[in-house]
Amino acid sequence: MEADERDRAEINLHSVRRINLHEPGEVEFWSARLGCTPNQLRAAVLAAGTLARSVRSYLIDRRKR
C-alpha cells in the first residue's frame, strides 16, 4: 500500500470520530492530519460540528475559496 493510500485509509478510519477540542493531544493530532493550525481547527469545529469528516469537508471547502 502506498503512503497516500495509507493516509486516506487512516483519515477514513478516523472520519467517524468526533474531535474533542478539550484534549490537547486530539487538537495536535487533527491539526497535523488535516493540515491546519489549531486555531483553524477550532474555528472549523465551531462551524461544522465535531465529526471529523464534517470538519475535513469544511476545511477543504474553505481552501477552495
Protein backbone atom coordinates (compact mmCIF):
# COMPACT_ATOMS: atom_id res chain seq x y z
CA MET A 1 0.00 0.00 0.00
CA GLU A 2 1.37 3.41 -0.96
CA ALA A 3 1.78 6.25 1.53
CA ASP A 4 -1.15 8.22 0.05
CA GLU A 5 -3.43 5.20 0.28
CA ARG A 6 -2.41 4.63 3.90
CA ASP A 7 -3.09 8.28 4.72
CA ARG A 8 -6.51 8.13 3.05
CA ALA A 9 -7.33 4.88 4.84
CA GLU A 10 -6.30 6.38 8.17
CA ILE A 11 -8.38 9.51 7.56
CA ASN A 12 -11.34 7.32 6.56
CA LEU A 13 -10.90 5.27 9.72
CA HIS A 14 -10.90 8.43 11.83
CA SER A 15 -13.68 10.14 9.86
CA VAL A 16 -16.33 8.56 12.08
CA ARG A 17 -14.65 10.01 15.14
CA ARG A 18 -15.51 13.20 16.89
CA ILE A 19 -12.89 15.84 17.51
CA ASN A 20 -12.58 16.77 21.16
CA LEU A 21 -11.14 20.27 21.42
CA HIS A 22 -10.70 19.83 25.17
CA GLU A 23 -7.97 17.22 24.60
CA PRO A 24 -4.67 18.85 23.56
CA GLY A 25 -3.47 15.58 22.02
CA GLU A 26 -6.51 15.42 19.77
CA VAL A 27 -6.12 19.05 18.72
CA GLU A 28 -2.49 18.33 17.84
CA PHE A 29 -3.36 15.08 16.01
CA TRP A 30 -6.24 16.50 13.98
CA SER A 31 -4.42 19.76 13.16
CA ALA A 32 -1.49 17.77 11.76
CA ARG A 33 -3.73 15.26 10.00
CA LEU A 34 -5.96 17.91 8.42
CA GLY A 35 -3.14 20.32 7.58
CA CYS A 36 -4.39 23.27 9.58
CA THR A 37 -3.44 25.27 12.63
CA PRO A 38 -5.07 24.57 15.99
CA ASN A 39 -6.98 27.85 15.69
CA GLN A 40 -8.24 26.90 12.22
CA LEU A 41 -9.31 23.53 13.62
CA ARG A 42 -11.21 25.18 16.47
CA ALA A 43 -12.98 27.52 14.04
CA ALA A 44 -13.85 24.60 11.76
CA VAL A 45 -15.29 22.57 14.64
CA LEU A 46 -17.40 25.55 15.73
CA ALA A 47 -18.68 25.97 12.17
CA ALA A 48 -19.07 22.34 11.09
CA GLY A 49 -19.53 20.36 14.29
CA THR A 50 -17.32 17.76 15.90
CA LEU A 51 -17.46 14.96 13.31
CA ALA A 52 -14.01 14.70 11.77
CA ARG A 53 -15.37 14.14 8.25
CA SER A 54 -17.51 17.30 8.52
CA VAL A 55 -14.54 19.33 9.72
CA ARG A 56 -12.38 17.94 6.91
CA SER A 57 -15.03 18.87 4.31
CA TYR A 58 -15.37 22.34 5.81
CA LEU A 59 -11.61 22.93 5.67
CA ILE A 60 -11.40 21.70 2.07
CA ASP A 61 -14.27 23.98 1.08
CA ARG A 62 -12.62 26.97 2.79
CA ARG A 63 -9.35 26.32 0.94
CA LYS A 64 -11.16 26.42 -2.42
CA ARG A 65 -12.39 29.97 -1.79
